[in-house]
Amino acid sequence: MISALRTNRGRLEPIDLKHDPDALGQAIWIDLIEPTDEERSLVSTIFSHPLPETSDVEEIEASSNYFVFEDGFQVNCLFLHRSGENLKNSTVAMLLDEKRLVTLSAREIPIMRLLRMRLQRRTDIIDDPVALVMELHEIKVDELADILEETHRSIESISRQVLDRNNEAELVNALDGLARTEDINAKVRLCLMDGQRDLGFLLRHAHLSPEYAERVRLMLGDIETLLPHNTFLSEKVDFLLNAALGFINLQQNNIIKIFSIAAVVFLPPTLVASIYGMNFRFMPELTWHWGYPLALVLMVLSGIAPYLYFKRKGWL
């Protein structure tokens, strides 16, 4: 799929490529999502640099995320987005020359769609590809900050669930929630660190104006603020995870203790019953008139004695 924006009458507007494919040359931003060979060929006619394969964009090493051209550069950025019920990091290749920005990804990224909608409503014209990259990163940082806030609220809810420890089932559910939260938190951290590298690359190689350089430094400052918060959330997840496991172990130990004490309490009566259950010929108690009641009383007393002992020791 291909989407493109161009300037027209003081605004950015989408290009209808079905009815006017030649207008692609006027585009300031071309967004390619799993493009077909025909779409790649169409963009290649107006863009001065070869487009990478989407599979290569996803699999490229972090150390090779940046390429500098004579009239532009390529930077591969991670964006966090929802995939079904989970969050996932996907890579977007951003290629710039002097006239336009080309973004290439294997799936639709909500941030891209959001920026296209915002640009069409704005009255100020953005005709600089570098400014588009910065706009994308500003939205990215804001989105990550929102996700961290949502993660913090989720951890607070799980914290109450763990510390109330009403039953083992709730603790098991809390463990599942903590695992999901830590997974999200780790993906946010990866995305923040990737943003740091990308913005650092822009400062070094994009020949930014003083105004743009200041915007990049502000974004880097925001990331520096978010990273410690991300670390704090990770540490809190670890604490709650250890607490939940500890409470589960205590509950299980209490259950095992009850079974152990019950076994010890019933052991002496079982011993008495076993003795008088023997089939020996000469057992004088078998001929006693009160032998059976005596055996029952003996079994009750032998069971009560260890119970009272455990109670006195405070083990019950």
C-alpha atoms as a PDB file:
ATOM      1  CA  MET A   1       0.000   0.000   0.000  1.00  0.00           C
ATOM      2  CA  ILE A   2       1.210   3.496  -0.781  1.00  0.00           C
ATOM      3  CA  SER A   3       0.124   6.839   0.710  1.00  0.00           C
ATOM      4  CA  ALA A   4       1.501  10.233  -0.218  1.00  0.00           C
ATOM      5  CA  LEU A   5       1.112  13.867   0.844  1.00  0.00           C
ATOM      6  CA  ARG A   6       1.853  17.043  -1.119  1.00  0.00           C
ATOM      7  CA  THR A   7       1.493  20.739  -0.473  1.00  0.00           C
ATOM      8  CA  ASN A   8      -1.451  22.492  -2.093  1.00  0.00           C
ATOM      9  CA  ARG A   9      -2.863  25.953  -1.348  1.00  0.00           C
ATOM     10  CA  GLY A  10      -1.039  26.316   1.918  1.00  0.00           C
ATOM     11  CA  ARG A  11      -1.964  22.860   3.229  1.00  0.00           C
ATOM     12  CA  LEU A  12      -0.808  19.273   3.003  1.00  0.00           C
ATOM     13  CA  GLU A  13      -3.229  17.015   1.166  1.00  0.00           C
ATOM     14  CA  PRO A  14      -3.246  13.330   0.192  1.00  0.00           C
ATOM     15  CA  ILE A  15      -2.488  12.385  -3.407  1.00  0.00           C
ATOM     16  CA  ASP A  16      -5.025  10.253  -5.273  1.00  0.00           C
ATOM     17  CA  LEU A  17      -2.588   7.964  -7.098  1.00  0.00           C
ATOM     18  CA  LYS A  18      -5.328   5.969  -8.820  1.00  0.00           C
ATOM     19  CA  HIS A  19      -6.497   8.962 -10.815  1.00  0.00           C
ATOM     20  CA  ASP A  20      -3.262  10.947 -10.900  1.00  0.00           C
ATOM     21  CA  PRO A  21      -0.166   8.698 -10.549  1.00  0.00           C
ATOM     22  CA  ASP A  22       2.081  11.375 -12.077  1.00  0.00           C
ATOM     23  CA  ALA A  23       1.382  13.605  -9.058  1.00  0.00           C
ATOM     24  CA  LEU A  24       3.632  11.372  -6.958  1.00  0.00           C
ATOM     25  CA  GLY A  25       6.548  13.528  -8.023  1.00  0.00           C
ATOM     26  CA  GLN A  26       5.015  16.397  -6.037  1.00  0.00           C
ATOM     27  CA  ALA A  27       4.897  14.384  -2.804  1.00  0.00           C
ATOM     28  CA  ILE A  28       6.842  15.536   0.211  1.00  0.00           C
ATOM     29  CA  TRP A  29       6.086  12.325   2.120  1.00  0.00           C
ATOM     30  CA  ILE A  30       5.552   8.852   0.657  1.00  0.00           C
ATOM     31  CA  ASP A  31       4.551   6.097   3.075  1.00  0.00           C
ATOM     32  CA  LEU A  32       4.990   2.522   1.807  1.00  0.00           C
ATOM     33  CA  ILE A  33       3.432  -0.403   3.688  1.00  0.00           C
ATOM     34  CA  GLU A  34       4.527  -3.818   2.360  1.00  0.00           C
ATOM     35  CA  PRO A  35       4.746  -2.338  -1.139  1.00  0.00           C
ATOM     36  CA  THR A  36       4.240  -4.363  -4.291  1.00  0.00           C
ATOM     37  CA  ASP A  37       6.865  -4.473  -7.033  1.00  0.00           C
ATOM     38  CA  GLU A  38       4.761  -2.038  -9.051  1.00  0.00           C
ATOM     39  CA  GLU A  39       4.601   0.448  -6.159  1.00  0.00           C
ATOM     40  CA  ARG A  40       8.349   0.150  -5.555  1.00  0.00           C
ATOM     41  CA  SER A  41       9.039   0.802  -9.223  1.00  0.00           C
ATOM     42  CA  LEU A  42       6.751   3.850  -9.170  1.00  0.00           C
ATOM     43  CA  VAL A  43       8.567   5.379  -6.184  1.00  0.00           C
ATOM     44  CA  SER A  44      11.985   4.520  -7.626  1.00  0.00           C
ATOM     45  CA  THR A  45      11.288   6.729 -10.654  1.00  0.00           C
ATOM     46  CA  ILE A  46      11.201   9.865  -8.468  1.00  0.00           C
ATOM     47  CA  PHE A  47      13.422   8.905  -5.515  1.00  0.00           C
ATOM     48  CA  SER A  48      17.161   9.062  -5.932  1.00  0.00           C
ATOM     49  CA  HIS A  49      18.092   6.133  -3.668  1.00  0.00           C
ATOM     50  CA  PRO A  50      17.226   2.415  -3.902  1.00  0.00           C
ATOM     51  CA  LEU A  51      14.545   1.207  -1.528  1.00  0.00           C
ATOM     52  CA  PRO A  52      15.477  -1.622   0.860  1.00  0.00           C
ATOM     53  CA  GLU A  53      13.420  -4.782   1.100  1.00  0.00           C
ATOM     54  CA  THR A  54      10.945  -4.814   3.995  1.00  0.00           C
ATOM     55  CA  SER A  55      12.436  -8.076   5.263  1.00  0.00           C
ATOM     56  CA  ASP A  56      15.871  -6.452   5.359  1.00  0.00           C
ATOM     57  CA  VAL A  57      14.488  -3.528   7.354  1.00  0.00           C
ATOM     58  CA  GLU A  58      13.150  -5.874  10.046  1.00  0.00           C
ATOM     59  CA  GLU A  59      16.254  -8.048  10.252  1.00  0.00           C
ATOM     60  CA  ILE A  60      18.986  -5.436   9.965  1.00  0.00           C
ATOM     61  CA  GLU A  61      21.458  -5.214  12.843  1.00  0.00           C
ATOM     62  CA  ALA A  62      21.207  -2.263  15.223  1.00  0.00           C
ATOM     63  CA  SER A  63      24.754  -1.191  14.311  1.00  0.00           C
ATOM     64  CA  SER A  64      23.679  -0.801  10.667  1.00  0.00           C
ATOM     65  CA  ASN A  65      20.572   1.286  11.229  1.00  0.00           C
ATOM     66  CA  TYR A  66      22.004   4.406   9.594  1.00  0.00           C
ATOM     67  CA  PHE A  67      23.220   5.205   6.092  1.00  0.00           C
ATOM     68  CA  VAL A  68      24.407   8.596   4.915  1.00  0.00           C
ATOM     69  CA  PHE A  69      23.959   9.562   1.255  1.00  0.00           C
ATOM     70  CA  GLU A  70      25.343  12.509  -0.638  1.00  0.00           C
ATOM     71  CA  ASP A  71      21.998  14.339  -0.519  1.00  0.00           C
ATOM     72  CA  GLY A  72      20.313  12.621   2.416  1.00  0.00           C
ATOM     73  CA  PHE A  73      20.347   9.643   4.743  1.00  0.00           C
ATOM     74  CA  GLN A  74      18.462   6.551   5.885  1.00  0.00           C
ATOM     75  CA  VAL A  75      17.576   5.818   9.496  1.00  0.00           C
ATOM     76  CA  ASN A  76      15.699   2.751  10.711  1.00  0.00           C
ATOM     77  CA  CYS A  77      13.437   3.496  13.684  1.00  0.00           C
ATOM     78  CA  LEU A  78      11.513   1.281  16.107  1.00  0.00           C
ATOM     79  CA  PHE A  79       7.869   2.121  16.757  1.00  0.00           C
ATOM     80  CA  LEU A  80       5.744   0.484  19.432  1.00  0.00           C
ATOM     81  CA  HIS A  81       2.233  -0.396  18.305  1.00  0.00           C
ATOM     82  CA  ARG A  82      -0.611  -2.710  19.257  1.00  0.00           C
ATOM     83  CA  SER A  83      -0.785  -6.069  17.502  1.00  0.00           C
ATOM     84  CA  GLY A  84      -3.969  -7.840  18.582  1.00  0.00           C
ATOM     85  CA  GLU A  85      -3.991  -7.869  22.378  1.00  0.00           C
ATOM     86  CA  ASN A  86      -0.241  -7.309  22.656  1.00  0.00           C
ATOM     87  CA  LEU A  87       2.226  -4.511  21.987  1.00  0.00           C
ATOM     88  CA  LYS A  88       4.957  -5.034  19.422  1.00  0.00           C
ATOM     89  CA  ASN A  89       7.999  -3.133  18.174  1.00  0.00           C
ATOM     90  CA  SER A  90       8.248  -2.764  14.404  1.00  0.00           C
ATOM     91  CA  THR A  91      10.986  -1.161  12.339  1.00  0.00           C
ATOM     92  CA  VAL A  92      10.335   1.653   9.875  1.00  0.00           C
ATOM     93  CA  ALA A  93      12.969   2.676   7.343  1.00  0.00           C
ATOM     94  CA  MET A  94      13.071   6.448   6.789  1.00  0.00           C
ATOM     95  CA  LEU A  95      14.858   7.583   3.654  1.00  0.00           C
ATOM     96  CA  LEU A  96      15.358  11.284   2.977  1.00  0.00           C
ATOM     97  CA  ASP A  97      16.696  13.352   0.154  1.00  0.00           C
ATOM     98  CA  GLU A  98      16.450  17.088  -0.346  1.00  0.00           C
ATOM     99  CA  LYS A  99      12.839  16.992  -1.548  1.00  0.00           C
ATOM    100  CA  ARG A 100      10.953  14.258   0.254  1.00  0.00           C
ATOM    101  CA  LEU A 101      10.699  11.620   2.947  1.00  0.00           C
ATOM    102  CA  VAL A 102      10.008   7.973   2.101  1.00  0.00           C
ATOM    103  CA  THR A 103       8.975   5.641   4.919  1.00  0.00           C
ATOM    104  CA  LEU A 104       8.931   1.888   4.420  1.00  0.00           C
ATOM    105  CA  SER A 105       7.475  -0.710   6.799  1.00  0.00           C
ATOM    106  CA  ALA A 106       6.107  -4.253   6.769  1.00  0.00           C
ATOM    107  CA  ARG A 107       2.821  -3.264   8.464  1.00  0.00           C
ATOM    108  CA  GLU A 108       0.783  -0.167   9.135  1.00  0.00           C
ATOM    109  CA  ILE A 109       2.055   1.865  12.083  1.00  0.00           C
ATOM    110  CA  PRO A 110      -0.648   3.911  13.872  1.00  0.00           C
ATOM    111  CA  ILE A 111       1.778   6.802  14.475  1.00  0.00           C
ATOM    112  CA  MET A 112       2.207   7.220  10.724  1.00  0.00           C
ATOM    113  CA  ARG A 113      -1.544   7.363  10.192  1.00  0.00           C
ATOM    114  CA  LEU A 114      -1.904   9.799  13.089  1.00  0.00           C
ATOM    115  CA  LEU A 115       0.723  12.158  11.675  1.00  0.00           C
ATOM    116  CA  ARG A 116      -0.887  12.112   8.230  1.00  0.00           C
ATOM    117  CA  MET A 117      -4.208  13.113   9.782  1.00  0.00           C
ATOM    118  CA  ARG A 118      -2.606  15.892  11.840  1.00  0.00           C
ATOM    119  CA  LEU A 119      -0.677  17.307   8.912  1.00  0.00           C
ATOM    120  CA  GLN A 120      -3.836  17.588   6.823  1.00  0.00           C
ATOM    121  CA  ARG A 121      -5.478  19.702   9.533  1.00  0.00           C
ATOM    122  CA  ARG A 122      -2.558  22.036  10.166  1.00  0.00           C
ATOM    123  CA  THR A 123      -2.413  25.488   8.672  1.00  0.00           C
ATOM    124  CA  ASP A 124       1.383  25.781   8.791  1.00  0.00           C
ATOM    125  CA  ILE A 125       3.172  24.045   5.936  1.00  0.00           C
ATOM    126  CA  ILE A 126       5.875  21.467   6.598  1.00  0.00           C
ATOM    127  CA  ASP A 127       7.948  21.245   3.437  1.00  0.00           C
ATOM    128  CA  ASP A 128      11.151  19.902   4.999  1.00  0.00           C
ATOM    129  CA  PRO A 129      11.611  16.091   5.148  1.00  0.00           C
ATOM    130  CA  VAL A 130      13.756  16.416   8.281  1.00  0.00           C
ATOM    131  CA  ALA A 131      10.891  18.236  10.009  1.00  0.00           C
ATOM    132  CA  LEU A 132       8.630  15.275   9.216  1.00  0.00           C
ATOM    133  CA  VAL A 133      11.103  12.897  10.847  1.00  0.00           C
ATOM    134  CA  MET A 134      11.176  15.103  13.924  1.00  0.00           C
ATOM    135  CA  GLU A 135       7.374  15.241  14.035  1.00  0.00           C
ATOM    136  CA  LEU A 136       7.290  11.430  13.975  1.00  0.00           C
ATOM    137  CA  HIS A 137       9.771  11.212  16.816  1.00  0.00           C
ATOM    138  CA  GLU A 138       7.859  13.750  18.904  1.00  0.00           C
ATOM    139  CA  ILE A 139       4.689  11.673  18.555  1.00  0.00           C
ATOM    140  CA  LYS A 140       6.712   8.547  19.315  1.00  0.00           C
ATOM    141  CA  VAL A 141       8.083   9.996  22.570  1.00  0.00           C
ATOM    142  CA  ASP A 142       4.626  11.220  23.618  1.00  0.00           C
ATOM    143  CA  GLU A 143       3.133   7.784  22.899  1.00  0.00           C
ATOM    144  CA  LEU A 144       5.840   6.038  24.931  1.00  0.00           C
ATOM    145  CA  ALA A 145       5.236   8.430  27.843  1.00  0.00           C
ATOM    146  CA  ASP A 146       1.512   7.587  27.712  1.00  0.00           C
ATOM    147  CA  ILE A 147       2.280   3.853  27.651  1.00  0.00           C
ATOM    148  CA  LEU A 148       4.543   4.236  30.697  1.00  0.00           C
ATOM    149  CA  GLU A 149       1.757   6.059  32.553  1.00  0.00           C
ATOM    150  CA  GLU A 150      -0.681   3.304  31.639  1.00  0.00           C
ATOM    151  CA  THR A 151       1.865   0.700  32.737  1.00  0.00           C
ATOM    152  CA  HIS A 152       2.304   2.489  36.063  1.00  0.00           C
ATOM    153  CA  ARG A 153      -1.454   2.430  36.685  1.00  0.00           C
ATOM    154  CA  SER A 154      -1.534  -1.265  35.807  1.00  0.00           C
ATOM    155  CA  ILE A 155       1.299  -1.996  38.256  1.00  0.00           C
ATOM    156  CA  GLU A 156      -0.492  -0.075  41.018  1.00  0.00           C
ATOM    157  CA  SER A 157      -3.614  -2.176  40.446  1.00  0.00           C
ATOM    158  CA  ILE A 158      -1.587  -5.397  40.523  1.00  0.00           C
ATOM    159  CA  SER A 159       0.233  -4.158  43.636  1.00  0.00           C
ATOM    160  CA  ARG A 160      -3.047  -3.911  45.561  1.00  0.00           C
ATOM    161  CA  GLN A 161      -3.980  -7.368  44.295  1.00  0.00           C
ATOM    162  CA  VAL A 162      -0.680  -8.850  45.496  1.00  0.00           C
ATOM    163  CA  LEU A 163      -0.547  -7.133  48.888  1.00  0.00           C
ATOM    164  CA  ASP A 164      -4.191  -7.968  49.714  1.00  0.00           C
ATOM    165  CA  ARG A 165      -3.359 -11.638  48.985  1.00  0.00           C
ATOM    166  CA  ASN A 166      -6.936 -12.811  49.542  1.00  0.00           C
ATOM    167  CA  ASN A 167      -6.386 -16.128  47.818  1.00  0.00           C
ATOM    168  CA  GLU A 168      -3.875 -18.011  45.738  1.00  0.00           C
ATOM    169  CA  ALA A 169      -5.937 -17.659  42.549  1.00  0.00           C
ATOM    170  CA  GLU A 170      -5.631 -13.850  42.679  1.00  0.00           C
ATOM    171  CA  LEU A 171      -1.887 -14.146  43.200  1.00  0.00           C
ATOM    172  CA  VAL A 172      -1.601 -16.407  40.155  1.00  0.00           C
ATOM    173  CA  ASN A 173      -3.545 -13.834  38.119  1.00  0.00           C
ATOM    174  CA  ALA A 174      -1.222 -11.153  39.469  1.00  0.00           C
ATOM    175  CA  LEU A 175       1.797 -13.145  38.266  1.00  0.00           C
ATOM    176  CA  ASP A 176       0.284 -13.255  34.780  1.00  0.00           C
ATOM    177  CA  GLY A 177      -0.329  -9.492  34.870  1.00  0.00           C
ATOM    178  CA  LEU A 178       3.215  -8.810  36.074  1.00  0.00           C
ATOM    179  CA  ALA A 179       4.687 -10.907  33.258  1.00  0.00           C
ATOM    180  CA  ARG A 180       2.670  -8.984  30.656  1.00  0.00           C
ATOM    181  CA  THR A 181       3.571  -5.646  32.230  1.00  0.00           C
ATOM    182  CA  GLU A 182       7.277  -6.422  32.303  1.00  0.00           C
ATOM    183  CA  ASP A 183       7.129  -7.458  28.647  1.00  0.00           C
ATOM    184  CA  ILE A 184       5.550  -4.112  27.728  1.00  0.00           C
ATOM    185  CA  ASN A 185       8.028  -2.219  29.896  1.00  0.00           C
ATOM    186  CA  ALA A 186      10.976  -3.942  28.207  1.00  0.00           C
ATOM    187  CA  LYS A 187       9.632  -3.078  24.747  1.00  0.00           C
ATOM    188  CA  VAL A 188       9.169   0.554  25.802  1.00  0.00           C
ATOM    189  CA  ARG A 189      12.774   0.658  27.017  1.00  0.00           C
ATOM    190  CA  LEU A 190      14.034  -0.781  23.741  1.00  0.00           C
ATOM    191  CA  CYS A 191      12.025   1.828  21.838  1.00  0.00           C
ATOM    192  CA  LEU A 192      13.319   4.667  24.045  1.00  0.00           C
ATOM    193  CA  MET A 193      16.942   3.598  23.583  1.00  0.00           C
ATOM    194  CA  ASP A 194      16.388   3.328  19.841  1.00  0.00           C
ATOM    195  CA  GLY A 195      14.950   6.854  19.895  1.00  0.00           C
ATOM    196  CA  GLN A 196      18.078   8.079  21.685  1.00  0.00           C
ATOM    197  CA  ARG A 197      20.299   6.626  18.966  1.00  0.00           C
ATOM    198  CA  ASP A 198      18.108   7.998  16.161  1.00  0.00           C
ATOM    199  CA  LEU A 199      18.002  11.521  17.576  1.00  0.00           C
ATOM    200  CA  GLY A 200      21.733  11.423  18.243  1.00  0.00           C
ATOM    201  CA  PHE A 201      22.247  10.470  14.616  1.00  0.00           C
ATOM    202  CA  LEU A 202      20.120  13.445  13.494  1.00  0.00           C
ATOM    203  CA  LEU A 203      22.235  15.804  15.592  1.00  0.00           C
ATOM    204  CA  ARG A 204      25.467  14.488  14.090  1.00  0.00           C
ATOM    205  CA  HIS A 205      24.573  13.998  10.432  1.00  0.00           C
ATOM    206  CA  ALA A 206      21.357  15.833   9.491  1.00  0.00           C
ATOM    207  CA  HIS A 207      22.885  19.352   9.404  1.00  0.00           C
ATOM    208  CA  LEU A 208      20.031  20.672  11.528  1.00  0.00           C
ATOM    209  CA  SER A 209      19.202  24.330  11.913  1.00  0.00           C
ATOM    210  CA  PRO A 210      19.580  25.762  15.452  1.00  0.00           C
ATOM    211  CA  GLU A 211      15.795  25.556  15.912  1.00  0.00           C
ATOM    212  CA  TYR A 212      15.647  21.905  14.864  1.00  0.00           C
ATOM    213  CA  ALA A 213      18.716  21.040  16.932  1.00  0.00           C
ATOM    214  CA  GLU A 214      17.034  22.523  20.006  1.00  0.00           C
ATOM    215  CA  ARG A 215      13.893  20.457  19.360  1.00  0.00           C
ATOM    216  CA  VAL A 216      16.014  17.312  19.117  1.00  0.00           C
ATOM    217  CA  ARG A 217      17.775  18.145  22.394  1.00  0.00           C
ATOM    218  CA  LEU A 218      14.403  18.648  24.092  1.00  0.00           C
ATOM    219  CA  MET A 219      13.273  15.228  22.877  1.00  0.00           C
ATOM    220  CA  LEU A 220      16.509  13.691  24.133  1.00  0.00           C
ATOM    221  CA  GLY A 221      15.846  15.355  27.482  1.00  0.00           C
ATOM    222  CA  ASP A 222      12.353  13.849  27.554  1.00  0.00           C
ATOM    223  CA  ILE A 223      13.806  10.405  26.861  1.00  0.00           C
ATOM    224  CA  GLU A 224      16.384  10.895  29.615  1.00  0.00           C
ATOM    225  CA  THR A 225      13.461  11.607  31.952  1.00  0.00           C
ATOM    226  CA  LEU A 226      11.449   8.576  30.828  1.00  0.00           C
ATOM    227  CA  LEU A 227      14.278   6.040  31.078  1.00  0.00           C
ATOM    228  CA  PRO A 228      14.659   6.261  34.903  1.00  0.00           C
ATOM    229  CA  HIS A 229      10.888   5.963  35.250  1.00  0.00           C
ATOM    230  CA  ASN A 230      11.032   2.899  33.027  1.00  0.00           C
ATOM    231  CA  THR A 231      13.775   1.454  35.259  1.00  0.00           C
ATOM    232  CA  PHE A 232      11.707   2.197  38.385  1.00  0.00           C
ATOM    233  CA  LEU A 233       8.724   0.340  36.933  1.00  0.00           C
ATOM    234  CA  SER A 234      10.921  -2.637  36.084  1.00  0.00           C
ATOM    235  CA  GLU A 235      12.279  -2.738  39.638  1.00  0.00           C
ATOM    236  CA  LYS A 236       8.762  -2.509  41.073  1.00  0.00           C
ATOM    237  CA  VAL A 237       7.624  -5.388  38.867  1.00  0.00           C
ATOM    238  CA  ASP A 238      10.554  -7.449  40.209  1.00  0.00           C
ATOM    239  CA  PHE A 239       9.587  -6.582  43.801  1.00  0.00           C
ATOM    240  CA  LEU A 240       5.930  -7.507  43.255  1.00  0.00           C
ATOM    241  CA  LEU A 241       6.942 -10.689  41.458  1.00  0.00           C
ATOM    242  CA  ASN A 242       9.103 -11.775  44.397  1.00  0.00           C
ATOM    243  CA  ALA A 243       6.371 -10.766  46.857  1.00  0.00           C
ATOM    244  CA  ALA A 244       3.698 -12.732  44.978  1.00  0.00           C
ATOM    245  CA  LEU A 245       5.916 -15.813  44.793  1.00  0.00           C
ATOM    246  CA  GLY A 246       6.706 -15.453  48.496  1.00  0.00           C
ATOM    247  CA  PHE A 247       3.029 -15.231  49.450  1.00  0.00           C
ATOM    248  CA  ILE A 248       2.218 -18.250  47.301  1.00  0.00           C
ATOM    249  CA  ASN A 249       5.024 -20.205  49.004  1.00  0.00           C
ATOM    250  CA  LEU A 250       3.697 -19.176  52.440  1.00  0.00           C
ATOM    251  CA  GLN A 251       0.194 -20.316  51.560  1.00  0.00           C
ATOM    252  CA  GLN A 252       1.490 -23.611  50.232  1.00  0.00           C
ATOM    253  CA  ASN A 253       3.699 -24.084  53.307  1.00  0.00           C
ATOM    254  CA  ASN A 254       0.681 -23.489  55.567  1.00  0.00           C
ATOM    255  CA  ILE A 255      -1.260 -26.146  53.674  1.00  0.00           C
ATOM    256  CA  ILE A 256       1.642 -28.580  53.907  1.00  0.00           C
ATOM    257  CA  LYS A 257       1.988 -27.802  57.639  1.00  0.00           C
ATOM    258  CA  ILE A 258      -1.682 -28.649  58.211  1.00  0.00           C
ATOM    259  CA  PHE A 259      -1.294 -31.952  56.407  1.00  0.00           C
ATOM    260  CA  SER A 260       1.908 -32.731  58.312  1.00  0.00           C
ATOM    261  CA  ILE A 261       0.320 -32.017  61.697  1.00  0.00           C
ATOM    262  CA  ALA A 262      -2.771 -34.019  60.762  1.00  0.00           C
ATOM    263  CA  ALA A 263      -0.544 -36.952  59.843  1.00  0.00           C
ATOM    264  CA  VAL A 264       1.317 -36.735  63.171  1.00  0.00           C
ATOM    265  CA  VAL A 265      -1.924 -36.387  65.158  1.00  0.00           C
ATOM    266  CA  PHE A 266      -3.448 -39.485  63.548  1.00  0.00           C
ATOM    267  CA  LEU A 267      -0.257 -41.530  63.728  1.00  0.00           C
ATOM    268  CA  PRO A 268      -0.604 -42.709  67.403  1.00  0.00           C
ATOM    269  CA  PRO A 269      -4.292 -43.744  66.998  1.00  0.00           C
ATOM    270  CA  THR A 270      -3.306 -45.585  63.837  1.00  0.00           C
ATOM    271  CA  LEU A 271      -0.556 -47.333  65.790  1.00  0.00           C
ATOM    272  CA  VAL A 272      -3.017 -48.404  68.521  1.00  0.00           C
ATOM    273  CA  ALA A 273      -5.535 -49.596  65.935  1.00  0.00           C
ATOM    274  CA  SER A 274      -2.793 -51.510  64.134  1.00  0.00           C
ATOM    275  CA  ILE A 275      -1.703 -53.265  67.311  1.00  0.00           C
ATOM    276  CA  TYR A 276      -5.200 -54.423  68.179  1.00  0.00           C
ATOM    277  CA  GLY A 277      -5.851 -55.346  64.603  1.00  0.00           C
ATOM    278  CA  MET A 278      -3.189 -58.066  64.770  1.00  0.00           C
ATOM    279  CA  ASN A 279      -4.423 -61.633  64.416  1.00  0.00           C
ATOM    280  CA  PHE A 280      -2.356 -63.202  67.206  1.00  0.00           C
ATOM    281  CA  ARG A 281      -3.993 -66.035  69.166  1.00  0.00           C
ATOM    282  CA  PHE A 282      -2.884 -64.933  72.631  1.00  0.00           C
ATOM    283  CA  MET A 283      -3.928 -61.307  73.153  1.00  0.00           C
ATOM    284  CA  PRO A 284      -5.356 -60.937  76.678  1.00  0.00           C
ATOM    285  CA  GLU A 285      -7.234 -57.706  75.803  1.00  0.00           C
ATOM    286  CA  LEU A 286      -9.413 -59.639  73.331  1.00  0.00           C
ATOM    287  CA  THR A 287     -11.102 -61.409  76.252  1.00  0.00           C
ATOM    288  CA  TRP A 288     -11.573 -58.281  78.378  1.00  0.00           C
ATOM    289  CA  HIS A 289     -15.122 -57.035  78.767  1.00  0.00           C
ATOM    290  CA  TRP A 290     -13.972 -53.404  78.467  1.00  0.00           C
ATOM    291  CA  GLY A 291     -11.176 -54.069  75.972  1.00  0.00           C
ATOM    292  CA  TYR A 292     -12.889 -52.456  72.970  1.00  0.00           C
ATOM    293  CA  PRO A 293     -13.880 -49.213  74.791  1.00  0.00           C
ATOM    294  CA  LEU A 294     -10.399 -49.073  76.313  1.00  0.00           C
ATOM    295  CA  ALA A 295      -8.818 -49.263  72.845  1.00  0.00           C
ATOM    296  CA  LEU A 296     -11.078 -46.456  71.576  1.00  0.00           C
ATOM    297  CA  VAL A 297     -10.236 -44.208  74.535  1.00  0.00           C
ATOM    298  CA  LEU A 298      -6.557 -44.971  74.090  1.00  0.00           C
ATOM    299  CA  MET A 299      -6.742 -43.956  70.416  1.00  0.00           C
ATOM    300  CA  VAL A 300      -8.536 -40.681  71.249  1.00  0.00           C
ATOM    301  CA  LEU A 301      -6.056 -39.794  73.978  1.00  0.00           C
ATOM    302  CA  SER A 302      -3.065 -40.646  71.764  1.00  0.00           C
ATOM    303  CA  GLY A 303      -4.473 -38.279  69.095  1.00  0.00           C
ATOM    304  CA  ILE A 304      -5.297 -35.431  71.521  1.00  0.00           C
ATOM    305  CA  ALA A 305      -1.867 -35.506  73.191  1.00  0.00           C
ATOM    306  CA  PRO A 306       0.225 -34.425  70.128  1.00  0.00           C
ATOM    307  CA  TYR A 307      -2.462 -31.870  69.170  1.00  0.00           C
ATOM    308  CA  LEU A 308      -2.233 -30.218  72.600  1.00  0.00           C
ATOM    309  CA  TYR A 309       1.563 -30.330  72.410  1.00  0.00           C
ATOM    310  CA  PHE A 310       1.612 -28.560  69.021  1.00  0.00           C
ATOM    311  CA  LYS A 311      -0.903 -26.017  70.286  1.00  0.00           C
ATOM    312  CA  ARG A 312       1.228 -25.251  73.338  1.00  0.00           C
ATOM    313  CA  LYS A 313       4.304 -24.769  71.119  1.00  0.00           C
ATOM    314  CA  GLY A 314       2.383 -22.329  68.933  1.00  0.00           C
ATOM    315  CA  TRP A 315       2.719 -24.418  65.797  1.00  0.00           C
ATOM    316  CA  LEU A 316      -1.029 -24.274  65.164  1.00  0.00           C
END
